[in-house]
Amino acid sequence: NWVHWSFFPHKVLRKRYQNLLIEHLNKVLRKRYQNLLIEHLKERIQKELRS
């Protein structure tokens, strides 16, 4: 059963929104870090192959 959002206190809604935002930012940052790491490793491998 769905409960209308207005039944929740503002503090609860704000906390939930903050948690969702933090989860989203964590995913974005994790993905960016992985991409940077992959690019760095590719460059190192290419450099080693040229040597």
Protein backbone atom coordinates (compact mmCIF):
# COMPACT_ATOMS: atom_id res chain seq x y z
CA ASN A 1 0.00 0.00 0.00
CA TRP A 2 1.24 3.44 -0.93
CA VAL A 3 1.12 6.22 1.61
CA HIS A 4 0.74 9.77 0.45
CA TRP A 5 3.99 11.70 0.91
CA SER A 6 2.31 14.45 2.94
CA PHE A 7 1.84 12.00 5.81
CA PHE A 8 5.59 11.97 6.39
CA PRO A 9 7.24 14.65 8.50
CA HIS A 10 9.44 17.05 6.57
CA LYS A 11 12.55 15.86 8.42
CA VAL A 12 11.96 12.26 7.29
CA LEU A 13 11.48 13.31 3.67
CA ARG A 14 14.59 15.48 3.77
CA LYS A 15 16.65 12.63 5.22
CA ARG A 16 15.40 10.24 2.56
CA TYR A 17 16.22 12.72 -0.19
CA GLN A 18 19.71 13.21 1.23
CA ASN A 19 20.26 9.45 1.31
CA LEU A 20 19.13 9.09 -2.30
CA LEU A 21 21.40 11.93 -3.35
CA ILE A 22 24.37 10.41 -1.53
CA GLU A 23 23.73 7.02 -3.15
CA HIS A 24 23.55 8.63 -6.57
CA LEU A 25 26.73 10.64 -6.06
CA ASN A 26 28.56 7.55 -4.83
CA LYS A 27 27.60 5.68 -8.00
CA VAL A 28 28.68 8.57 -10.23
CA LEU A 29 31.99 9.02 -8.43
CA ARG A 30 32.72 5.29 -8.40
CA LYS A 31 32.10 5.09 -12.14
CA ARG A 32 34.29 8.13 -12.84
CA TYR A 33 37.07 6.72 -10.68
CA GLN A 34 36.90 3.39 -12.49
CA ASN A 35 37.05 5.13 -15.86
CA LEU A 36 40.06 7.19 -14.78
CA LEU A 37 41.79 4.10 -13.47
CA ILE A 38 41.15 2.21 -16.70
CA GLU A 39 42.52 5.08 -18.78
CA HIS A 40 45.58 5.31 -16.57
CA LEU A 41 46.24 1.59 -16.87
CA LYS A 42 45.81 1.69 -20.64
CA GLU A 43 48.38 4.48 -20.88
CA ARG A 44 50.84 2.58 -18.70
CA ILE A 45 50.44 -0.57 -20.76
CA GLN A 46 50.96 1.34 -24.01
CA LYS A 47 54.02 3.02 -22.57
CA GLU A 48 55.45 -0.34 -21.50
CA LEU A 49 54.78 -1.83 -24.91
CA ARG A 50 56.64 1.03 -26.61
CA SER A 51 59.69 0.54 -24.38
